[in-house]
C-alpha cells in the first residue's frame, strides 16, 4: 500500500505546482476577467430588452418640445396584457387602466 503512495507523491506534487501556477495566472488576469464579464452581462441584458421589445411590438416614442402629453385612442395594457380597452372615440380624454 505504501508503494502506491510513494509512486503517487510525484504526481501530487506536479498537480500542486500546476494548481499554484493556474491560480497565479487567474489572479493576474482578474481585472480583465471582471471587465469582460461586466461587458458580456451588459450586452446580454440589452439583447434581452431588444428581444422583449420586438416580441411585444414596442416602438420608440417621438419626442418633441411641446409641454403637453396627448394620448389619442390609446390602448393601455397591464403587465399581464390581460386588460385591454379602447377609447370609444378619438376625442374621448378617458384613459382606462
N, C-alpha and C. Protein backbone atom coordinates (compact mmCIF):
# COMPACT_ATOMS: atom_id res chain seq x y z
N UNK A 1 0.82 -1.19 0.00
CA UNK A 1 0.00 0.00 0.00
C UNK A 1 0.87 1.26 0.00
N UNK A 2 1.94 1.27 0.79
CA UNK A 2 2.79 2.45 0.84
C UNK A 2 3.55 2.64 -0.47
N UNK A 3 3.72 1.59 -1.24
CA UNK A 3 4.38 1.70 -2.55
C UNK A 3 3.50 2.52 -3.50
N UNK A 4 2.18 2.33 -3.41
CA UNK A 4 1.26 3.12 -4.24
C UNK A 4 1.36 4.60 -3.90
N UNK A 5 1.43 4.90 -2.61
CA UNK A 5 1.52 6.29 -2.18
C UNK A 5 2.84 6.91 -2.59
N UNK A 6 3.91 6.14 -2.51
CA UNK A 6 5.21 6.69 -2.88
C UNK A 6 5.28 6.97 -4.38
N UNK A 7 4.57 6.16 -5.21
CA UNK A 7 4.52 6.44 -6.65
C UNK A 7 3.60 7.62 -6.96
N UNK A 8 2.58 7.82 -6.15
CA UNK A 8 1.62 8.91 -6.40
C UNK A 8 2.16 10.26 -5.95
N UNK A 9 3.12 10.26 -5.03
CA UNK A 9 3.64 11.51 -4.49
C UNK A 9 4.16 12.46 -5.57
N UNK A 10 4.96 12.00 -6.54
CA UNK A 10 5.41 12.95 -7.58
C UNK A 10 4.24 13.53 -8.37
N UNK A 11 3.21 12.73 -8.63
CA UNK A 11 2.04 13.24 -9.35
C UNK A 11 1.31 14.31 -8.54
N UNK A 12 1.20 14.09 -7.26
CA UNK A 12 0.55 15.07 -6.38
C UNK A 12 1.33 16.37 -6.38
N UNK A 13 2.64 16.28 -6.34
CA UNK A 13 3.48 17.48 -6.36
C UNK A 13 3.32 18.23 -7.68
N UNK A 14 3.24 17.49 -8.79
CA UNK A 14 3.05 18.12 -10.09
C UNK A 14 1.69 18.82 -10.13
N UNK A 15 0.65 18.16 -9.63
CA UNK A 15 -0.69 18.76 -9.59
C UNK A 15 -0.70 20.02 -8.73
N UNK A 16 -0.03 19.99 -7.59
CA UNK A 16 0.04 21.17 -6.73
C UNK A 16 0.72 22.32 -7.45
N UNK A 17 1.84 22.04 -8.13
CA UNK A 17 2.57 23.08 -8.85
C UNK A 17 1.70 23.68 -9.96
N UNK A 18 1.01 22.82 -10.71
CA UNK A 18 0.14 23.30 -11.79
C UNK A 18 -0.99 24.16 -11.21
N UNK A 19 -1.56 23.73 -10.09
CA UNK A 19 -2.65 24.48 -9.46
C UNK A 19 -2.16 25.86 -9.00
N UNK A 20 -1.00 25.93 -8.38
CA UNK A 20 -0.45 27.20 -7.92
C UNK A 20 -0.20 28.13 -9.11
N UNK A 21 0.35 27.60 -10.20
CA UNK A 21 0.58 28.42 -11.40
C UNK A 21 -0.73 28.91 -12.00
N UNK A 22 -1.72 28.03 -12.05
CA UNK A 22 -3.02 28.41 -12.60
C UNK A 22 -3.67 29.50 -11.74
N UNK A 23 -3.61 29.32 -10.42
CA UNK A 23 -4.19 30.31 -9.51
C UNK A 23 -3.50 31.66 -9.68
N UNK A 24 -2.21 31.67 -9.84
CA UNK A 24 -1.48 32.93 -10.03
C UNK A 24 -1.89 33.59 -11.36
N UNK A 25 -2.06 32.80 -12.40
CA UNK A 25 -2.47 33.35 -13.70
C UNK A 25 -3.87 33.95 -13.62
N UNK A 26 -4.78 33.27 -12.93
CA UNK A 26 -6.15 33.77 -12.79
C UNK A 26 -6.16 35.07 -11.98
N UNK A 27 -5.39 35.12 -10.90
CA UNK A 27 -5.32 36.34 -10.09
C UNK A 27 -4.73 37.50 -10.89
N UNK A 28 -3.76 37.20 -11.72
CA UNK A 28 -3.14 38.24 -12.54
C UNK A 28 -4.14 38.79 -13.57
N UNK A 29 -5.01 37.93 -14.06
CA UNK A 29 -5.98 38.34 -15.09
C UNK A 29 -7.34 38.72 -14.51
N UNK A 30 -7.46 38.78 -13.19
CA UNK A 30 -8.77 39.01 -12.55
C UNK A 30 -9.43 40.30 -13.02
N UNK A 31 -8.68 41.36 -13.17
CA UNK A 31 -9.25 42.63 -13.62
C UNK A 31 -9.83 42.53 -15.02
N UNK A 32 -9.07 41.91 -15.93
CA UNK A 32 -9.56 41.73 -17.30
C UNK A 32 -10.78 40.81 -17.32
N UNK A 33 -10.75 39.76 -16.52
CA UNK A 33 -11.88 38.83 -16.46
C UNK A 33 -13.12 39.56 -15.95
N UNK A 34 -12.96 40.38 -14.93
CA UNK A 34 -14.09 41.12 -14.35
C UNK A 34 -14.67 42.11 -15.36
N UNK A 35 -13.80 42.84 -16.08
CA UNK A 35 -14.28 43.79 -17.09
C UNK A 35 -14.99 43.07 -18.24
N UNK A 36 -14.44 41.97 -18.67
CA UNK A 36 -15.07 41.20 -19.74
C UNK A 36 -16.42 40.65 -19.29
N UNK A 37 -16.47 40.16 -18.08
CA UNK A 37 -17.72 39.62 -17.53
C UNK A 37 -18.79 40.70 -17.47
N UNK A 38 -18.40 41.89 -17.05
CA UNK A 38 -19.34 43.01 -16.97
C UNK A 38 -19.86 43.39 -18.35
N UNK A 39 -18.97 43.42 -19.34
CA UNK A 39 -19.38 43.76 -20.71
C UNK A 39 -20.33 42.71 -21.28
N UNK A 40 -20.05 41.44 -21.03
CA UNK A 40 -20.92 40.37 -21.51
C UNK A 40 -22.29 40.46 -20.83
N UNK A 41 -22.31 40.74 -19.53
CA UNK A 41 -23.58 40.85 -18.80
C UNK A 41 -24.40 42.01 -19.34
N UNK A 42 -23.76 43.15 -19.61
CA UNK A 42 -24.48 44.31 -20.15
C UNK A 42 -25.03 44.01 -21.54
N UNK A 43 -24.22 43.38 -22.39
CA UNK A 43 -24.68 43.02 -23.74
C UNK A 43 -25.85 42.05 -23.66
N UNK A 44 -25.78 41.08 -22.76
CA UNK A 44 -26.87 40.11 -22.59
C UNK A 44 -28.16 40.80 -22.18
N UNK A 45 -28.06 41.74 -21.25
CA UNK A 45 -29.22 42.49 -20.79
C UNK A 45 -29.85 43.28 -21.93
N UNK A 46 -29.03 44.00 -22.71
CA UNK A 46 -29.54 44.82 -23.80
C UNK A 46 -30.15 43.96 -24.91
N UNK A 47 -29.54 42.83 -25.21
CA UNK A 47 -30.10 41.93 -26.22
C UNK A 47 -31.45 41.40 -25.77
N UNK A 48 -31.58 41.05 -24.49
CA UNK A 48 -32.85 40.55 -23.99
C UNK A 48 -33.92 41.64 -23.98
N UNK A 49 -33.55 42.89 -23.66
CA UNK A 49 -34.50 44.01 -23.75
C UNK A 49 -34.97 44.17 -25.20
N UNK A 50 -34.05 44.10 -26.14
CA UNK A 50 -34.40 44.25 -27.56
C UNK A 50 -35.31 43.11 -28.01
N UNK A 51 -35.01 41.90 -27.57
CA UNK A 51 -35.84 40.74 -27.92
C UNK A 51 -37.25 40.91 -27.38
N UNK A 52 -37.36 41.31 -26.11
CA UNK A 52 -38.66 41.52 -25.49
C UNK A 52 -39.43 42.65 -26.19
N UNK A 53 -38.74 43.72 -26.54
CA UNK A 53 -39.40 44.83 -27.24
C UNK A 53 -39.93 44.37 -28.59
N UNK A 54 -39.18 43.53 -29.29
CA UNK A 54 -39.65 43.02 -30.58
C UNK A 54 -40.86 42.11 -30.40
N UNK A 55 -40.82 41.25 -29.39
CA UNK A 55 -41.94 40.34 -29.13
C UNK A 55 -43.21 41.11 -28.79
N UNK A 56 -43.06 42.16 -27.99
CA UNK A 56 -44.24 42.93 -27.55
C UNK A 56 -44.56 44.09 -28.47
N UNK A 57 -43.80 44.21 -29.55
CA UNK A 57 -44.02 45.26 -30.56
C UNK A 57 -43.96 46.67 -29.97
N UNK A 58 -42.99 46.87 -29.09
CA UNK A 58 -42.80 48.21 -28.54
C UNK A 58 -42.21 49.09 -29.64
N UNK A 59 -42.52 50.37 -29.60
CA UNK A 59 -41.96 51.31 -30.56
C UNK A 59 -41.29 52.46 -29.80
N UNK A 60 -40.41 53.13 -30.48
CA UNK A 60 -39.72 54.26 -29.88
C UNK A 60 -40.63 55.48 -29.94
N UNK A 61 -40.84 56.16 -28.83
CA UNK A 61 -41.71 57.33 -28.85
C UNK A 61 -41.06 58.49 -29.60
N UNK A 62 -41.90 59.36 -30.15
CA UNK A 62 -41.40 60.57 -30.82
C UNK A 62 -41.41 61.68 -29.77
N UNK A 63 -40.26 62.26 -29.54
CA UNK A 63 -40.10 63.29 -28.52
C UNK A 63 -40.04 64.65 -29.22
N UNK A 64 -40.84 65.61 -28.73
CA UNK A 64 -40.75 66.97 -29.22
C UNK A 64 -40.73 67.93 -28.03
N UNK A 65 -40.69 69.20 -28.30
CA UNK A 65 -40.55 70.20 -27.25
C UNK A 65 -41.89 70.65 -26.68
N UNK A 66 -43.01 70.10 -27.13
CA UNK A 66 -44.33 70.52 -26.66
C UNK A 66 -44.49 70.19 -25.18
N UNK A 67 -45.11 71.10 -24.40
CA UNK A 67 -45.27 70.87 -22.97
C UNK A 67 -46.49 70.00 -22.63
N UNK A 68 -47.13 69.40 -23.63
CA UNK A 68 -48.38 68.66 -23.43
C UNK A 68 -48.18 67.21 -23.86
N UNK A 69 -48.75 66.31 -23.08
CA UNK A 69 -48.77 64.90 -23.45
C UNK A 69 -50.20 64.58 -23.87
N UNK A 70 -50.36 64.01 -25.03
CA UNK A 70 -51.69 63.72 -25.54
C UNK A 70 -51.73 62.25 -25.97
N UNK A 71 -52.72 61.53 -25.47
CA UNK A 71 -52.93 60.14 -25.88
C UNK A 71 -54.25 60.08 -26.62
N UNK A 72 -54.20 59.74 -27.88
CA UNK A 72 -55.41 59.68 -28.71
C UNK A 72 -55.67 58.22 -29.05
N UNK A 73 -56.89 57.75 -28.73
CA UNK A 73 -57.28 56.36 -28.98
C UNK A 73 -56.22 55.41 -28.43
N UNK A 74 -55.83 55.66 -27.21
CA UNK A 74 -54.75 54.90 -26.60
C UNK A 74 -55.23 53.55 -26.10
N UNK A 75 -54.33 52.62 -26.09
CA UNK A 75 -54.58 51.30 -25.51
C UNK A 75 -53.55 51.13 -24.40
N UNK A 76 -54.01 50.84 -23.21
CA UNK A 76 -53.11 50.63 -22.08
C UNK A 76 -53.27 49.18 -21.65
N UNK A 77 -52.17 48.49 -21.57
CA UNK A 77 -52.21 47.08 -21.20
C UNK A 77 -51.55 46.90 -19.84
N UNK A 78 -52.10 45.98 -19.07
CA UNK A 78 -51.46 45.67 -17.79
C UNK A 78 -50.21 44.85 -18.07
N UNK A 79 -49.43 44.60 -17.03
CA UNK A 79 -48.22 43.81 -17.21
C UNK A 79 -48.53 42.42 -17.75
N UNK A 80 -49.67 41.88 -17.37
CA UNK A 80 -50.03 40.55 -17.84
C UNK A 80 -50.69 40.60 -19.21
N UNK A 81 -50.89 41.80 -19.76
CA UNK A 81 -51.56 42.02 -21.05
C UNK A 81 -52.96 41.44 -21.06
N UNK A 82 -53.54 41.30 -19.90
CA UNK A 82 -54.87 40.72 -19.81
C UNK A 82 -55.96 41.75 -20.01
N UNK A 83 -55.76 43.00 -19.58
CA UNK A 83 -56.79 44.03 -19.69
C UNK A 83 -56.48 44.88 -20.90
N UNK A 84 -57.47 45.09 -21.72
CA UNK A 84 -57.26 45.96 -22.87
C UNK A 84 -58.61 46.61 -23.20
N UNK A 85 -58.62 47.91 -23.22
CA UNK A 85 -59.83 48.64 -23.59
C UNK A 85 -59.43 49.79 -24.49
N UNK A 86 -60.28 50.12 -25.40
CA UNK A 86 -60.03 51.26 -26.30
C UNK A 86 -61.01 52.37 -25.97
N UNK A 87 -60.57 53.60 -26.18
CA UNK A 87 -61.48 54.73 -26.01
C UNK A 87 -62.57 54.62 -27.09
N UNK A 88 -63.79 55.02 -26.77
CA UNK A 88 -64.90 54.88 -27.73
C UNK A 88 -64.68 55.74 -28.96
N UNK A 89 -64.12 56.89 -28.79
CA UNK A 89 -63.78 57.70 -29.96
C UNK A 89 -62.50 58.47 -29.66
N UNK A 90 -61.89 59.00 -30.69
CA UNK A 90 -60.59 59.65 -30.54
C UNK A 90 -60.66 60.92 -29.70
N UNK A 91 -61.85 61.51 -29.55
CA UNK A 91 -61.95 62.75 -28.77
C UNK A 91 -62.13 62.48 -27.29
N UNK A 92 -62.30 61.22 -26.91
CA UNK A 92 -62.51 60.88 -25.51
C UNK A 92 -61.21 61.06 -24.72
N UNK A 93 -61.21 61.86 -23.64
CA UNK A 93 -59.99 62.04 -22.85
C UNK A 93 -59.79 60.93 -21.82
N UNK A 94 -60.72 59.97 -21.75
CA UNK A 94 -60.67 58.95 -20.73
C UNK A 94 -59.58 57.92 -21.07
N UNK A 95 -58.80 57.57 -20.07
CA UNK A 95 -57.80 56.51 -20.21
C UNK A 95 -58.21 55.40 -19.28
N UNK A 96 -58.31 54.21 -19.78
CA UNK A 96 -58.70 53.04 -18.99
C UNK A 96 -57.46 52.30 -18.54
N UNK A 97 -57.44 51.95 -17.25
CA UNK A 97 -56.29 51.20 -16.72
C UNK A 97 -56.79 49.88 -16.20
